[in-house]
Amino acid sequence: MTIEQVKQVYNAEPFQPFQMHMADGRHVSVASREFLAAAPSGRTVIVYEPDDSFHVIDLLLVTDLKVSARANGGSKRR
């Protein structure tokens, strides 16, 4: 996964919550824009949880982004 692919989902209007699926089978949910921060290099992101815990994600290990279903019932997968 590249930072450009993540930015496409991150910058979508309106924002839709999404999940990052990892090569090891885990997934991390991004509830809103405020919960995601990218490193200047673009290789890693930090995803914060509502309780202030966080995940440091190496984008080379992200296999898929799953965007939550939209209000009209459609979904978008990248």
PDB file of N, CA and C in Angstrom:
ATOM      1  N   MET A   1       0.857  -1.169   0.000  1.00  0.00           N
ATOM      2  CA  MET A   1       0.000   0.000   0.000  1.00  0.00           C
ATOM      3  C   MET A   1       0.902   1.231   0.000  1.00  0.00           C
ATOM      4  N   THR A   2       0.493   2.242  -0.711  1.00  0.00           N
ATOM      5  CA  THR A   2       1.272   3.477  -0.748  1.00  0.00           C
ATOM      6  C   THR A   2       0.541   4.577   0.016  1.00  0.00           C
ATOM      7  N   ILE A   3       1.279   5.594   0.432  1.00  0.00           N
ATOM      8  CA  ILE A   3       0.677   6.718   1.128  1.00  0.00           C
ATOM      9  C   ILE A   3      -0.325   7.427   0.222  1.00  0.00           C
ATOM     10  N   GLU A   4      -0.091   7.426  -1.080  1.00  0.00           N
ATOM     11  CA  GLU A   4      -1.031   8.052  -2.010  1.00  0.00           C
ATOM     12  C   GLU A   4      -2.389   7.345  -1.985  1.00  0.00           C
ATOM     13  N   GLN A   5      -2.384   6.027  -1.898  1.00  0.00           N
ATOM     14  CA  GLN A   5      -3.627   5.276  -1.824  1.00  0.00           C
ATOM     15  C   GLN A   5      -4.373   5.576  -0.523  1.00  0.00           C
ATOM     16  N   VAL A   6      -3.646   5.678   0.567  1.00  0.00           N
ATOM     17  CA  VAL A   6      -4.260   6.015   1.852  1.00  0.00           C
ATOM     18  C   VAL A   6      -4.809   7.443   1.797  1.00  0.00           C
ATOM     19  N   LYS A   7      -4.061   8.364   1.197  1.00  0.00           N
ATOM     20  CA  LYS A   7      -4.514   9.753   1.104  1.00  0.00           C
ATOM     21  C   LYS A   7      -5.804   9.883   0.306  1.00  0.00           C
ATOM     22  N   GLN A   8      -5.991   9.054  -0.725  1.00  0.00           N
ATOM     23  CA  GLN A   8      -7.236   9.090  -1.511  1.00  0.00           C
ATOM     24  C   GLN A   8      -8.437   8.800  -0.624  1.00  0.00           C
ATOM     25  N   VAL A   9      -8.327   7.787   0.218  1.00  0.00           N
ATOM     26  CA  VAL A   9      -9.424   7.436   1.124  1.00  0.00           C
ATOM     27  C   VAL A   9      -9.550   8.496   2.220  1.00  0.00           C
ATOM     28  N   TYR A  10      -8.426   8.948   2.750  1.00  0.00           N
ATOM     29  CA  TYR A  10      -8.398   9.954   3.814  1.00  0.00           C
ATOM     30  C   TYR A  10      -9.039  11.267   3.362  1.00  0.00           C
ATOM     31  N   ASN A  11      -8.773  11.691   2.126  1.00  0.00           N
ATOM     32  CA  ASN A  11      -9.256  12.978   1.618  1.00  0.00           C
ATOM     33  C   ASN A  11     -10.635  12.913   0.960  1.00  0.00           C
ATOM     34  N   ALA A  12     -11.238  11.746   0.885  1.00  0.00           N
ATOM     35  CA  ALA A  12     -12.554  11.614   0.247  1.00  0.00           C
ATOM     36  C   ALA A  12     -13.578  12.503   0.951  1.00  0.00           C
ATOM     37  N   GLU A  13     -14.459  13.093   0.157  1.00  0.00           N
ATOM     38  CA  GLU A  13     -15.546  13.925   0.692  1.00  0.00           C
ATOM     39  C   GLU A  13     -16.877  13.280   0.360  1.00  0.00           C
ATOM     40  N   PRO A  14     -17.716  13.011   1.306  1.00  0.00           N
ATOM     41  CA  PRO A  14     -17.440  13.141   2.729  1.00  0.00           C
ATOM     42  C   PRO A  14     -16.542  12.008   3.197  1.00  0.00           C
ATOM     43  N   PHE A  15     -15.855  12.213   4.317  1.00  0.00           N
ATOM     44  CA  PHE A  15     -14.989  11.183   4.875  1.00  0.00           C
ATOM     45  C   PHE A  15     -15.826   9.967   5.253  1.00  0.00           C
ATOM     46  N   GLN A  16     -15.324   8.789   4.924  1.00  0.00           N
ATOM     47  CA  GLN A  16     -15.955   7.532   5.313  1.00  0.00           C
ATOM     48  C   GLN A  16     -14.966   6.764   6.187  1.00  0.00           C
ATOM     49  N   PRO A  17     -15.390   6.297   7.361  1.00  0.00           N
ATOM     50  CA  PRO A  17     -14.492   5.460   8.182  1.00  0.00           C
ATOM     51  C   PRO A  17     -13.997   4.274   7.355  1.00  0.00           C
ATOM     52  N   PHE A  18     -12.779   3.823   7.645  1.00  0.00           N
ATOM     53  CA  PHE A  18     -12.232   2.692   6.894  1.00  0.00           C
ATOM     54  C   PHE A  18     -11.365   1.832   7.779  1.00  0.00           C
ATOM     55  N   GLN A  19     -11.063   0.641   7.275  1.00  0.00           N
ATOM     56  CA  GLN A  19     -10.194  -0.306   7.965  1.00  0.00           C
ATOM     57  C   GLN A  19      -8.960  -0.562   7.118  1.00  0.00           C
ATOM     58  N   MET A  20      -7.824  -0.669   7.794  1.00  0.00           N
ATOM     59  CA  MET A  20      -6.575  -1.060   7.144  1.00  0.00           C
ATOM     60  C   MET A  20      -6.347  -2.532   7.489  1.00  0.00           C
ATOM     61  N   HIS A  21      -6.269  -3.364   6.464  1.00  0.00           N
ATOM     62  CA  HIS A  21      -6.040  -4.796   6.666  1.00  0.00           C
ATOM     63  C   HIS A  21      -4.553  -5.087   6.481  1.00  0.00           C
ATOM     64  N   MET A  22      -3.993  -5.823   7.437  1.00  0.00           N
ATOM     65  CA  MET A  22      -2.556  -6.128   7.447  1.00  0.00           C
ATOM     66  C   MET A  22      -2.281  -7.522   6.878  1.00  0.00           C
ATOM     67  N   ALA A  23      -1.040  -7.715   6.486  1.00  0.00           N
ATOM     68  CA  ALA A  23      -0.614  -8.994   5.923  1.00  0.00           C
ATOM     69  C   ALA A  23      -0.780 -10.143   6.923  1.00  0.00           C
ATOM     70  N   ASP A  24      -0.703  -9.850   8.227  1.00  0.00           N
ATOM     71  CA  ASP A  24      -0.828 -10.903   9.239  1.00  0.00           C
ATOM     72  C   ASP A  24      -2.274 -11.182   9.641  1.00  0.00           C
ATOM     73  N   GLY A  25      -3.245 -10.549   8.961  1.00  0.00           N
ATOM     74  CA  GLY A  25      -4.650 -10.809   9.236  1.00  0.00           C
ATOM     75  C   GLY A  25      -5.316  -9.806  10.171  1.00  0.00           C
ATOM     76  N   ARG A  26      -4.542  -8.974  10.829  1.00  0.00           N
ATOM     77  CA  ARG A  26      -5.131  -7.956  11.701  1.00  0.00           C
ATOM     78  C   ARG A  26      -5.773  -6.857  10.873  1.00  0.00           C
ATOM     79  N   HIS A  27      -6.641  -6.090  11.510  1.00  0.00           N
ATOM     80  CA  HIS A  27      -7.166  -4.892  10.866  1.00  0.00           C
ATOM     81  C   HIS A  27      -7.265  -3.783  11.912  1.00  0.00           C
ATOM     82  N   VAL A  28      -7.070  -2.562  11.449  1.00  0.00           N
ATOM     83  CA  VAL A  28      -7.111  -1.381  12.303  1.00  0.00           C
ATOM     84  C   VAL A  28      -8.128  -0.422  11.705  1.00  0.00           C
ATOM     85  N   SER A  29      -9.056   0.049  12.535  1.00  0.00           N
ATOM     86  CA  SER A  29     -10.108   0.956  12.080  1.00  0.00           C
ATOM     87  C   SER A  29      -9.685   2.406  12.226  1.00  0.00           C
ATOM     88  N   VAL A  30     -10.019   3.213  11.221  1.00  0.00           N
ATOM     89  CA  VAL A  30      -9.785   4.658  11.246  1.00  0.00           C
ATOM     90  C   VAL A  30     -11.171   5.303  11.281  1.00  0.00           C
ATOM     91  N   ALA A  31     -11.548   5.823  12.453  1.00  0.00           N
ATOM     92  CA  ALA A  31     -12.899   6.338  12.661  1.00  0.00           C
ATOM     93  C   ALA A  31     -13.113   7.719  12.047  1.00  0.00           C
ATOM     94  N   SER A  32     -12.084   8.564  12.058  1.00  0.00           N
ATOM     95  CA  SER A  32     -12.184   9.903  11.470  1.00  0.00           C
ATOM     96  C   SER A  32     -10.790  10.401  11.122  1.00  0.00           C
ATOM     97  N   ARG A  33     -10.720  11.494  10.389  1.00  0.00           N
ATOM     98  CA  ARG A  33      -9.424  12.029   9.952  1.00  0.00           C
ATOM     99  C   ARG A  33      -8.501  12.332  11.127  1.00  0.00           C
ATOM    100  N   GLU A  34      -9.078  12.784  12.227  1.00  0.00           N
ATOM    101  CA  GLU A  34      -8.273  13.170  13.386  1.00  0.00           C
ATOM    102  C   GLU A  34      -7.522  12.003  14.019  1.00  0.00           C
ATOM    103  N   PHE A  35      -7.890  10.781  13.664  1.00  0.00           N
ATOM    104  CA  PHE A  35      -7.274   9.601  14.259  1.00  0.00           C
ATOM    105  C   PHE A  35      -6.116   9.039  13.430  1.00  0.00           C
ATOM    106  N   LEU A  36      -5.716   9.718  12.355  1.00  0.00           N
ATOM    107  CA  LEU A  36      -4.653   9.221  11.482  1.00  0.00           C
ATOM    108  C   LEU A  36      -3.589  10.285  11.286  1.00  0.00           C
ATOM    109  N   ALA A  37      -2.320   9.905  11.442  1.00  0.00           N
ATOM    110  CA  ALA A  37      -1.194  10.815  11.205  1.00  0.00           C
ATOM    111  C   ALA A  37      -0.153  10.072  10.383  1.00  0.00           C
ATOM    112  N   ALA A  38       0.403  10.754   9.385  1.00  0.00           N
ATOM    113  CA  ALA A  38       1.401  10.142   8.502  1.00  0.00           C
ATOM    114  C   ALA A  38       2.793  10.672   8.823  1.00  0.00           C
ATOM    115  N   ALA A  39       3.780   9.796   8.744  1.00  0.00           N
ATOM    116  CA  ALA A  39       5.177  10.205   8.894  1.00  0.00           C
ATOM    117  C   ALA A  39       5.591  10.985   7.652  1.00  0.00           C
ATOM    118  N   PRO A  40       6.525  11.921   7.793  1.00  0.00           N
ATOM    119  CA  PRO A  40       6.970  12.695   6.625  1.00  0.00           C
ATOM    120  C   PRO A  40       7.486  11.826   5.475  1.00  0.00           C
ATOM    121  N   SER A  41       8.074  10.683   5.798  1.00  0.00           N
ATOM    122  CA  SER A  41       8.596   9.797   4.752  1.00  0.00           C
ATOM    123  C   SER A  41       7.484   9.129   3.954  1.00  0.00           C
ATOM    124  N   GLY A  42       6.277   9.029   4.538  1.00  0.00           N
ATOM    125  CA  GLY A  42       5.172   8.367   3.862  1.00  0.00           C
ATOM    126  C   GLY A  42       5.166   6.864   4.012  1.00  0.00           C
ATOM    127  N   ARG A  43       6.102   6.311   4.745  1.00  0.00           N
ATOM    128  CA  ARG A  43       6.147   4.857   4.882  1.00  0.00           C
ATOM    129  C   ARG A  43       5.292   4.349   6.041  1.00  0.00           C
ATOM    130  N   THR A  44       5.145   5.146   7.094  1.00  0.00           N
ATOM    131  CA  THR A  44       4.369   4.709   8.240  1.00  0.00           C
ATOM    132  C   THR A  44       3.264   5.710   8.565  1.00  0.00           C
ATOM    133  N   VAL A  45       2.221   5.197   9.189  1.00  0.00           N
ATOM    134  CA  VAL A  45       1.156   6.039   9.723  1.00  0.00           C
ATOM    135  C   VAL A  45       0.902   5.612  11.158  1.00  0.00           C
ATOM    136  N   ILE A  46       0.349   6.519  11.919  1.00  0.00           N
ATOM    137  CA  ILE A  46      -0.089   6.218  13.279  1.00  0.00           C
ATOM    138  C   ILE A  46      -1.600   6.337  13.285  1.00  0.00           C
ATOM    139  N   VAL A  47      -2.258   5.300  13.785  1.00  0.00           N
ATOM    140  CA  VAL A  47      -3.713   5.305  13.908  1.00  0.00           C
ATOM    141  C   VAL A  47      -4.037   5.298  15.396  1.00  0.00           C
ATOM    142  N   TYR A  48      -4.732   6.346  15.834  1.00  0.00           N
ATOM    143  CA  TYR A  48      -5.107   6.480  17.238  1.00  0.00           C
ATOM    144  C   TYR A  48      -6.462   5.847  17.496  1.00  0.00           C
ATOM    145  N   GLU A  49      -6.600   5.293  18.698  1.00  0.00           N
ATOM    146  CA  GLU A  49      -7.872   4.752  19.181  1.00  0.00           C
ATOM    147  C   GLU A  49      -8.537   5.813  20.052  1.00  0.00           C
ATOM    148  N   PRO A  50      -9.853   5.719  20.274  1.00  0.00           N
ATOM    149  CA  PRO A  50     -10.536   6.699  21.118  1.00  0.00           C
ATOM    150  C   PRO A  50      -9.967   6.815  22.538  1.00  0.00           C
ATOM    151  N   ASP A  51      -9.321   5.755  23.049  1.00  0.00           N
ATOM    152  CA  ASP A  51      -8.752   5.789  24.409  1.00  0.00           C
ATOM    153  C   ASP A  51      -7.313   6.310  24.426  1.00  0.00           C
ATOM    154  N   ASP A  52      -6.841   6.906  23.326  1.00  0.00           N
ATOM    155  CA  ASP A  52      -5.495   7.462  23.162  1.00  0.00           C
ATOM    156  C   ASP A  52      -4.395   6.413  22.966  1.00  0.00           C
ATOM    157  N   SER A  53      -4.748   5.135  22.908  1.00  0.00           N
ATOM    158  CA  SER A  53      -3.748   4.149  22.501  1.00  0.00           C
ATOM    159  C   SER A  53      -3.569   4.313  20.995  1.00  0.00           C
ATOM    160  N   PHE A  54      -2.527   3.715  20.430  1.00  0.00           N
ATOM    161  CA  PHE A  54      -2.284   3.897  19.000  1.00  0.00           C
ATOM    162  C   PHE A  54      -1.551   2.716  18.399  1.00  0.00           C
ATOM    163  N   HIS A  55      -1.622   2.655  17.072  1.00  0.00           N
ATOM    164  CA  HIS A  55      -0.934   1.637  16.274  1.00  0.00           C
ATOM    165  C   HIS A  55       0.017   2.355  15.333  1.00  0.00           C
ATOM    166  N   VAL A  56       1.248   1.881  15.246  1.00  0.00           N
ATOM    167  CA  VAL A  56       2.193   2.373  14.255  1.00  0.00           C
ATOM    168  C   VAL A  56       2.167   1.353  13.116  1.00  0.00           C
ATOM    169  N   ILE A  57       1.740   1.808  11.943  1.00  0.00           N
ATOM    170  CA  ILE A  57       1.508   0.912  10.815  1.00  0.00           C
ATOM    171  C   ILE A  57       2.533   1.158   9.717  1.00  0.00           C
ATOM    172  N   ASP A  58       3.240   0.104   9.334  1.00  0.00           N
ATOM    173  CA  ASP A  58       4.135   0.145   8.181  1.00  0.00           C
ATOM    174  C   ASP A  58       3.268  -0.102   6.945  1.00  0.00           C
ATOM    175  N   LEU A  59       3.174   0.891   6.073  1.00  0.00           N
ATOM    176  CA  LEU A  59       2.272   0.763   4.924  1.00  0.00           C
ATOM    177  C   LEU A  59       2.663  -0.359   3.976  1.00  0.00           C
ATOM    178  N   LEU A  60       3.905  -0.816   4.037  1.00  0.00           N
ATOM    179  CA  LEU A  60       4.294  -1.952   3.200  1.00  0.00           C
ATOM    180  C   LEU A  60       3.611  -3.242   3.644  1.00  0.00           C
ATOM    181  N   LEU A  61       3.059  -3.243   4.868  1.00  0.00           N
ATOM    182  CA  LEU A  61       2.385  -4.426   5.389  1.00  0.00           C
ATOM    183  C   LEU A  61       0.863  -4.336   5.288  1.00  0.00           C
ATOM    184  N   VAL A  62       0.347  -3.241   4.730  1.00  0.00           N
ATOM    185  CA  VAL A  62      -1.100  -3.082   4.537  1.00  0.00           C
ATOM    186  C   VAL A  62      -1.465  -3.714   3.196  1.00  0.00           C
ATOM    187  N   THR A  63      -2.422  -4.626   3.235  1.00  0.00           N
ATOM    188  CA  THR A  63      -2.810  -5.338   2.020  1.00  0.00           C
ATOM    189  C   THR A  63      -4.077  -4.789   1.385  1.00  0.00           C
ATOM    190  N   ASP A  64      -4.896  -4.080   2.184  1.00  0.00           N
ATOM    191  CA  ASP A  64      -6.200  -3.648   1.679  1.00  0.00           C
ATOM    192  C   ASP A  64      -6.742  -2.527   2.549  1.00  0.00           C
ATOM    193  N   LEU A  65      -7.513  -1.626   1.943  1.00  0.00           N
ATOM    194  CA  LEU A  65      -8.289  -0.628   2.670  1.00  0.00           C
ATOM    195  C   LEU A  65      -9.750  -0.929   2.409  1.00  0.00           C
ATOM    196  N   LYS A  66     -10.521  -1.086   3.464  1.00  0.00           N
ATOM    197  CA  LYS A  66     -11.949  -1.349   3.315  1.00  0.00           C
ATOM    198  C   LYS A  66     -12.716  -0.157   3.867  1.00  0.00           C
ATOM    199  N   VAL A  67     -13.433   0.515   2.986  1.00  0.00           N
ATOM    200  CA  VAL A  67     -14.210   1.687   3.362  1.00  0.00           C
ATOM    201  C   VAL A  67     -15.582   1.231   3.827  1.00  0.00           C
ATOM    202  N   SER A  68     -16.045   1.796   4.947  1.00  0.00           N
ATOM    203  CA  SER A  68     -17.351   1.429   5.502  1.00  0.00           C
ATOM    204  C   SER A  68     -18.466   1.725   4.528  1.00  0.00           C
ATOM    205  N   ALA A  69     -19.561   0.993   4.664  1.00  0.00           N
ATOM    206  CA  ALA A  69     -20.717   1.172   3.782  1.00  0.00           C
ATOM    207  C   ALA A  69     -21.239   2.597   3.887  1.00  0.00           C
ATOM    208  N   ARG A  70     -21.645   3.138   2.763  1.00  0.00           N
ATOM    209  CA  ARG A  70     -22.214   4.479   2.716  1.00  0.00           C
ATOM    210  C   ARG A  70     -23.673   4.431   3.136  1.00  0.00           C
ATOM    211  N   ALA A  71     -24.233   5.589   3.404  1.00  0.00           N
ATOM    212  CA  ALA A  71     -25.624   5.692   3.842  1.00  0.00           C
ATOM    213  C   ALA A  71     -26.589   5.093   2.818  1.00  0.00           C
ATOM    214  N   ASN A  72     -26.242   5.180   1.525  1.00  0.00           N
ATOM    215  CA  ASN A  72     -27.138   4.659   0.482  1.00  0.00           C
ATOM    216  C   ASN A  72     -26.972   3.163   0.255  1.00  0.00           C
ATOM    217  N   GLY A  73     -26.142   2.507   1.096  1.00  0.00           N
ATOM    218  CA  GLY A  73     -25.993   1.059   1.008  1.00  0.00           C
ATOM    219  C   GLY A  73     -24.826   0.597   0.173  1.00  0.00           C
ATOM    220  N   GLY A  74     -24.180   1.506  -0.558  1.00  0.00           N
ATOM    221  CA  GLY A  74     -23.032   1.132  -1.365  1.00  0.00           C
ATOM    222  C   GLY A  74     -21.778   1.068  -0.520  1.00  0.00           C
ATOM    223  N   SER A  75     -20.748   0.463  -1.039  1.00  0.00           N
ATOM    224  CA  SER A  75     -19.462   0.458  -0.352  1.00  0.00           C
ATOM    225  C   SER A  75     -18.365   0.671  -1.377  1.00  0.00           C
ATOM    226  N   LYS A  76     -17.220   1.069  -0.884  1.00  0.00           N
ATOM    227  CA  LYS A  76     -16.105   1.362  -1.767  1.00  0.00           C
ATOM    228  C   LYS A  76     -14.895   0.614  -1.242  1.00  0.00           C
ATOM    229  N   ARG A  77     -14.227  -0.109  -2.077  1.00  0.00           N
ATOM    230  CA  ARG A  77     -13.068  -0.888  -1.656  1.00  0.00           C
ATOM    231  C   ARG A  77     -11.910  -0.529  -2.556  1.00  0.00           C
ATOM    232  N   ARG A  78     -10.755  -0.237  -1.954  1.00  0.00           N
ATOM    233  CA  ARG A  78      -9.548   0.103  -2.712  1.00  0.00           C
ATOM    234  C   ARG A  78      -8.471  -0.878  -2.402  1.00  0.00           C
TER     235      ARG A  78
END
